[in-house]
Amino acid sequence: MTAKIVDRVMTAVFYLIAALLVVLLVGLLGYILARGLPKLSWTFLTSPPQSLSAGSGIGPQLFNSIYILFLTMLFTVPIGVGGGIYLAEYARPGRLTDTIRAAIEVLSSLPSIVVGLFGLIVFVYYTGWGYTLMGGALALMLFNLPLMVRTSEEAIRAVPHEQREASLALGVSRWRTITDVVLPSALPGIVTGAILTAGRAFGEAAALIFTAGMSTPRLDFHDWNPLSPTSPFNPFRPGETLAVNIWKVNSEGLIPDAKEVSAGASAVLVIAVLLFNLMARFLARVFYRRMTAAKL
């Protein structure tokens, strides 16, 4: 075959693969949303779950998912951005840098169940906390830290080197150059990485089963004292997240409408992850236009 025919054949193959991926994604999302959307209502999103009777809701689980996500990002973003700054600006070729990169790659390839077992040993048993939202957040931090480090490093490396040289030539210190010149330019990529990391953490279940637990105590949403055992803002209480609730309802649920509750919770989870990804793309475009006066 001539090179022209080969080029056309391979182009058609790649278009076919892309179309297949789109069809699979649309089919999966359509199936989940078609089953779950009829169940969604304000009562379903805010009411507590039921143990035996129908009419169960996902209010505490949804709140726990959002709160544990906040705790996770509170640790993941500063450490991840700091690691990205070090690897992009300070790390020199050598054994130490190679060891750090190898550790990041190994950590990123660990199954979430392994991270959960590690969190069970360290954040549940070793610390004596028991099942807590804080333990789950720290486990999710370990699970998502490699992605945050890599996206931050790539965003910082993408900043033109001429900007650094111009700042240093004016007598600005290296640290001020990083904080005032490099990081603002790399902010779109860092924000995108943070939102994608948040979406990944929001849908995680395996690591939280062993760290945050599979139950939620009775919560008083009028109690804002983070040290109170009934306060929803207490990070050292157990908390069942939305993803864990889906697994629990499907495997151990005794309520008559277990399938409907699972379908509704799955739809909420899918919609949340889609919003995270769309938000990442939107914010990346907004930041890119403001900082470069160009279209992405």
Protein backbone atom coordinates (compact mmCIF):
# COMPACT_ATOMS: atom_id res chain seq x y z
CA MET A 1 0.00 0.00 0.00
CA THR A 2 1.11 3.52 -0.71
CA ALA A 3 1.82 6.00 2.06
CA LYS A 4 -1.30 7.97 1.14
CA ILE A 5 -3.57 4.94 1.57
CA VAL A 6 -1.92 4.03 4.87
CA ASP A 7 -2.45 7.58 6.09
CA ARG A 8 -6.16 7.47 5.22
CA VAL A 9 -6.64 4.06 6.83
CA MET A 10 -4.95 5.10 10.07
CA THR A 11 -6.89 8.37 10.14
CA ALA A 12 -10.14 6.42 9.81
CA VAL A 13 -9.02 4.03 12.59
CA PHE A 14 -8.27 6.90 14.96
CA TYR A 15 -11.61 8.56 14.21
CA LEU A 16 -13.33 5.23 14.86
CA ILE A 17 -11.56 4.83 18.21
CA ALA A 18 -12.52 8.38 19.21
CA ALA A 19 -16.15 7.76 18.23
CA LEU A 20 -16.17 4.50 20.19
CA LEU A 21 -14.92 6.28 23.31
CA VAL A 22 -17.60 8.94 22.97
CA VAL A 23 -20.32 6.32 22.50
CA LEU A 24 -19.16 4.38 25.55
CA LEU A 25 -19.07 7.52 27.69
CA VAL A 26 -22.47 8.75 26.53
CA GLY A 27 -23.99 5.29 26.99
CA LEU A 28 -22.60 4.92 30.52
CA LEU A 29 -23.65 8.40 31.61
CA GLY A 30 -27.03 8.05 29.93
CA TYR A 31 -27.73 4.77 31.71
CA ILE A 32 -26.78 6.14 35.14
CA LEU A 33 -28.66 9.42 34.72
CA ALA A 34 -31.76 7.78 33.23
CA ARG A 35 -32.06 5.54 36.29
CA GLY A 36 -31.08 8.14 38.89
CA LEU A 37 -32.60 11.45 37.81
CA PRO A 38 -36.23 10.44 38.57
CA LYS A 39 -35.19 9.81 42.18
CA LEU A 40 -33.63 13.25 42.71
CA SER A 41 -35.52 15.74 44.81
CA TRP A 42 -34.77 18.24 47.54
CA THR A 43 -36.02 15.77 50.15
CA PHE A 44 -33.73 13.06 48.78
CA LEU A 45 -30.71 15.38 48.84
CA THR A 46 -31.29 16.63 52.40
CA SER A 47 -33.02 13.88 54.38
CA PRO A 48 -31.07 11.31 56.43
CA PRO A 49 -30.82 7.64 55.42
CA GLN A 50 -33.21 4.98 56.69
CA SER A 51 -32.19 1.58 58.01
CA LEU A 52 -35.28 -0.47 57.19
CA SER A 53 -38.05 1.74 55.79
CA ALA A 54 -38.34 3.30 52.34
CA GLY A 55 -37.77 6.98 51.63
CA SER A 56 -34.06 7.04 52.45
CA GLY A 57 -32.04 10.18 51.65
CA ILE A 58 -28.38 11.06 51.22
CA GLY A 59 -28.16 14.36 53.13
CA PRO A 60 -25.45 13.44 55.68
CA GLN A 61 -23.49 11.45 53.10
CA LEU A 62 -23.49 14.35 50.65
CA PHE A 63 -22.34 16.74 53.37
CA ASN A 64 -19.62 14.30 54.46
CA SER A 65 -18.35 14.04 50.88
CA ILE A 66 -18.10 17.82 50.55
CA TYR A 67 -16.50 18.25 53.98
CA ILE A 68 -13.93 15.50 53.52
CA LEU A 69 -13.12 16.96 50.10
CA PHE A 70 -12.47 20.33 51.76
CA LEU A 71 -10.16 18.71 54.32
CA THR A 72 -8.37 16.75 51.60
CA MET A 73 -7.69 19.78 49.42
CA LEU A 74 -6.61 21.74 52.50
CA PHE A 75 -3.62 19.38 52.74
CA THR A 76 -3.18 18.34 49.10
CA VAL A 77 -2.94 21.75 47.41
CA PRO A 78 -0.18 23.37 49.55
CA ILE A 79 1.94 20.21 49.67
CA GLY A 80 1.36 19.41 45.99
CA VAL A 81 2.17 22.93 44.80
CA GLY A 82 5.22 23.01 47.08
CA GLY A 83 6.43 19.72 45.63
CA GLY A 84 5.86 21.04 42.11
CA ILE A 85 7.86 24.20 42.89
CA TYR A 86 10.74 22.16 44.28
CA LEU A 87 10.90 19.76 41.32
CA ALA A 88 10.55 22.51 38.73
CA GLU A 89 12.73 25.21 40.25
CA TYR A 90 15.13 23.76 42.82
CA ALA A 91 15.67 20.06 42.18
CA ARG A 92 18.93 19.16 40.49
CA PRO A 93 19.59 15.97 38.54
CA GLY A 94 20.82 13.32 40.94
CA ARG A 95 19.88 10.43 43.14
CA LEU A 96 17.68 12.49 45.44
CA THR A 97 15.58 13.86 42.60
CA ASP A 98 15.36 10.43 40.96
CA THR A 99 14.25 8.93 44.27
CA ILE A 100 11.55 11.59 44.71
CA ARG A 101 10.24 11.05 41.19
CA ALA A 102 10.26 7.28 41.65
CA ALA A 103 8.34 7.67 44.93
CA ILE A 104 5.74 9.86 43.19
CA GLU A 105 5.32 7.35 40.36
CA VAL A 106 4.96 4.43 42.77
CA LEU A 107 2.49 6.33 44.91
CA SER A 108 0.40 7.27 41.87
CA SER A 109 0.20 3.63 40.76
CA LEU A 110 -0.92 2.23 44.11
CA PRO A 111 -4.47 0.86 44.15
CA SER A 112 -6.82 2.85 46.33
CA ILE A 113 -7.50 -0.24 48.45
CA VAL A 114 -3.80 -0.37 49.38
CA VAL A 115 -3.87 3.31 50.35
CA GLY A 116 -6.96 2.55 52.44
CA LEU A 117 -5.21 -0.29 54.26
CA PHE A 118 -2.22 1.96 54.93
CA GLY A 119 -4.60 4.61 56.29
CA LEU A 120 -6.28 1.96 58.45
CA ILE A 121 -2.96 1.08 60.07
CA VAL A 122 -1.60 4.63 60.46
CA PHE A 123 -4.59 6.98 60.78
CA VAL A 124 -7.01 4.60 62.53
CA TYR A 125 -4.97 2.25 64.71
CA TYR A 126 -1.57 3.91 65.18
CA THR A 127 -2.94 7.37 65.99
CA GLY A 128 -5.83 5.98 68.03
CA TRP A 129 -8.33 8.22 66.24
CA GLY A 130 -10.54 5.40 65.06
CA TYR A 131 -12.64 5.96 61.96
CA THR A 132 -12.59 9.71 61.28
CA LEU A 133 -13.08 12.16 58.46
CA MET A 134 -9.57 13.45 59.15
CA GLY A 135 -8.10 9.99 58.62
CA GLY A 136 -10.02 9.68 55.37
CA ALA A 137 -8.83 13.10 54.22
CA LEU A 138 -5.20 12.21 54.92
CA ALA A 139 -5.59 8.92 53.05
CA LEU A 140 -7.08 10.76 50.08
CA MET A 141 -4.22 13.24 50.26
CA LEU A 142 -1.74 10.40 49.80
CA PHE A 143 -3.85 9.04 46.95
CA ASN A 144 -4.11 12.36 45.08
CA LEU A 145 -0.81 14.03 45.95
CA PRO A 146 1.10 12.62 42.93
CA LEU A 147 -1.43 14.11 40.51
CA MET A 148 -1.25 17.49 42.22
CA VAL A 149 2.56 17.47 42.20
CA ARG A 150 2.78 16.50 38.53
CA THR A 151 0.22 19.05 37.33
CA SER A 152 1.87 21.81 39.40
CA GLU A 153 5.34 20.94 38.11
CA GLU A 154 4.17 20.86 34.49
CA ALA A 155 2.34 24.18 34.87
CA ILE A 156 5.43 25.82 36.40
CA ARG A 157 7.77 24.40 33.76
CA ALA A 158 5.45 25.72 31.03
CA VAL A 159 6.17 29.31 32.13
CA PRO A 160 8.69 30.81 29.63
CA HIS A 161 12.20 30.95 31.04
CA GLU A 162 12.57 34.50 29.75
CA GLN A 163 10.13 35.72 32.41
CA ARG A 164 12.36 34.34 35.13
CA GLU A 165 15.48 35.86 33.58
CA ALA A 166 13.81 39.28 33.24
CA SER A 167 12.77 39.26 36.89
CA LEU A 168 16.19 38.14 38.11
CA ALA A 169 17.90 40.74 35.90
CA LEU A 170 15.95 43.45 37.74
CA GLY A 171 17.45 42.30 41.03
CA VAL A 172 14.42 40.41 42.31
CA SER A 173 15.25 37.44 44.52
CA ARG A 174 14.63 33.94 43.31
CA TRP A 175 11.83 33.30 45.78
CA ARG A 176 10.06 36.57 44.91
CA THR A 177 10.44 35.67 41.24
CA ILE A 178 8.69 32.37 41.88
CA THR A 179 5.89 33.85 43.97
CA ASP A 180 5.31 37.06 41.96
CA VAL A 181 6.15 35.99 38.41
CA VAL A 182 6.14 32.22 37.95
CA LEU A 183 3.19 31.15 40.11
CA PRO A 184 0.72 33.74 38.70
CA SER A 185 1.58 32.60 35.18
CA ALA A 186 1.26 28.93 36.17
CA LEU A 187 -1.99 29.51 38.07
CA PRO A 188 -4.34 28.27 35.29
CA GLY A 189 -2.63 24.88 35.17
CA ILE A 190 -2.44 24.63 38.95
CA VAL A 191 -6.14 25.47 39.37
CA THR A 192 -7.08 22.94 36.69
CA GLY A 193 -5.01 20.26 38.41
CA ALA A 194 -6.57 21.08 41.78
CA ILE A 195 -10.12 20.79 40.42
CA LEU A 196 -9.36 17.51 38.64
CA THR A 197 -7.81 16.21 41.85
CA ALA A 198 -10.94 17.26 43.73
CA GLY A 199 -13.15 15.37 41.29
CA ARG A 200 -11.03 12.27 41.70
CA ALA A 201 -11.19 12.53 45.49
CA PHE A 202 -14.96 13.16 45.53
CA GLY A 203 -15.70 9.81 43.89
CA GLU A 204 -13.27 7.68 45.90
CA ALA A 205 -14.70 4.89 48.04
CA ALA A 206 -12.20 2.09 48.73
CA ALA A 207 -9.75 4.23 50.70
CA LEU A 208 -12.55 5.76 52.79
CA ILE A 209 -14.14 2.47 53.79
CA PHE A 210 -11.07 1.69 55.92
CA THR A 211 -10.44 5.21 57.24
CA ALA A 212 -13.63 7.31 57.43
CA GLY A 213 -15.93 4.41 58.17
CA MET A 214 -19.30 3.25 56.84
CA SER A 215 -21.62 5.01 59.26
CA THR A 216 -22.47 8.54 60.33
CA PRO A 217 -23.50 9.49 63.88
CA ARG A 218 -26.59 11.60 64.45
CA LEU A 219 -25.61 15.15 63.51
CA ASP A 220 -26.92 18.46 64.80
CA PHE A 221 -26.47 20.98 61.99
CA HIS A 222 -27.14 23.80 64.44
CA ASP A 223 -24.03 22.80 66.41
CA TRP A 224 -21.04 24.56 64.83
CA ASN A 225 -18.55 23.60 67.54
CA PRO A 226 -15.91 21.46 65.76
CA LEU A 227 -15.08 19.74 69.05
CA SER A 228 -18.64 18.54 69.69
CA PRO A 229 -19.31 14.87 68.85
CA THR A 230 -22.63 15.80 67.24
CA SER A 231 -21.26 18.69 65.19
CA PRO A 232 -21.08 18.06 61.44
CA PHE A 233 -17.86 20.10 61.37
CA ASN A 234 -16.02 17.80 63.78
CA PRO A 235 -13.19 16.30 61.67
CA PHE A 236 -12.56 13.53 64.20
CA ARG A 237 -15.92 11.80 63.83
CA PRO A 238 -16.74 8.92 61.48
CA GLY A 239 -18.53 9.82 58.29
CA GLU A 240 -19.94 7.78 55.45
CA THR A 241 -19.41 9.51 52.09
CA LEU A 242 -21.63 9.35 49.03
CA ALA A 243 -19.45 6.83 47.18
CA VAL A 244 -19.26 4.57 50.24
CA ASN A 245 -23.02 4.84 50.67
CA ILE A 246 -23.58 3.60 47.11
CA TRP A 247 -21.43 0.54 47.79
CA LYS A 248 -23.09 -0.08 51.16
CA VAL A 249 -26.65 0.23 49.86
CA ASN A 250 -25.92 -2.16 46.98
CA SER A 251 -24.16 -4.75 49.14
CA GLU A 252 -25.81 -4.52 52.56
CA GLY A 253 -28.93 -2.38 52.12
CA LEU A 254 -32.14 -3.74 53.67
CA ILE A 255 -34.44 -0.89 52.65
CA PRO A 256 -37.16 -1.74 50.08
CA ASP A 257 -36.05 0.97 47.65
CA ALA A 258 -32.32 0.17 47.80
CA LYS A 259 -31.94 0.14 44.00
CA GLU A 260 -33.65 3.50 43.61
CA VAL A 261 -31.55 5.09 46.36
CA SER A 262 -28.37 3.69 44.84
CA ALA A 263 -29.36 4.96 41.39
CA GLY A 264 -30.13 8.44 42.73
CA ALA A 265 -26.87 8.63 44.68
CA SER A 266 -24.95 7.45 41.61
CA ALA A 267 -26.56 10.19 39.52
CA VAL A 268 -25.57 12.82 42.09
CA LEU A 269 -22.01 11.50 42.13
CA VAL A 270 -21.74 11.49 38.33
CA ILE A 271 -23.18 15.01 38.06
CA ALA A 272 -20.71 16.27 40.68
CA VAL A 273 -17.71 14.74 38.88
CA LEU A 274 -18.92 16.19 35.56
CA LEU A 275 -19.24 19.62 37.17
CA PHE A 276 -15.69 19.36 38.51
CA ASN A 277 -14.33 18.60 35.04
CA LEU A 278 -16.39 21.31 33.33
CA MET A 279 -15.33 23.79 35.99
CA ALA A 280 -11.69 22.89 35.41
CA ARG A 281 -11.99 23.59 31.68
CA PHE A 282 -13.93 26.82 32.25
CA LEU A 283 -11.50 28.23 34.83
CA ALA A 284 -8.51 27.25 32.71
CA ARG A 285 -9.93 29.25 29.80
CA VAL A 286 -10.78 32.23 32.01
CA PHE A 287 -7.33 32.40 33.59
CA TYR A 288 -5.63 31.84 30.24
CA ARG A 289 -7.52 34.70 28.59
CA ARG A 290 -6.88 37.10 31.45
CA MET A 291 -3.16 36.38 31.59
CA THR A 292 -2.39 36.06 27.89
CA ALA A 293 -5.20 38.05 26.20
CA ALA A 294 -5.60 35.06 23.86
CA LYS A 295 -8.17 32.37 23.31
CA LEU A 296 -7.58 28.80 24.44
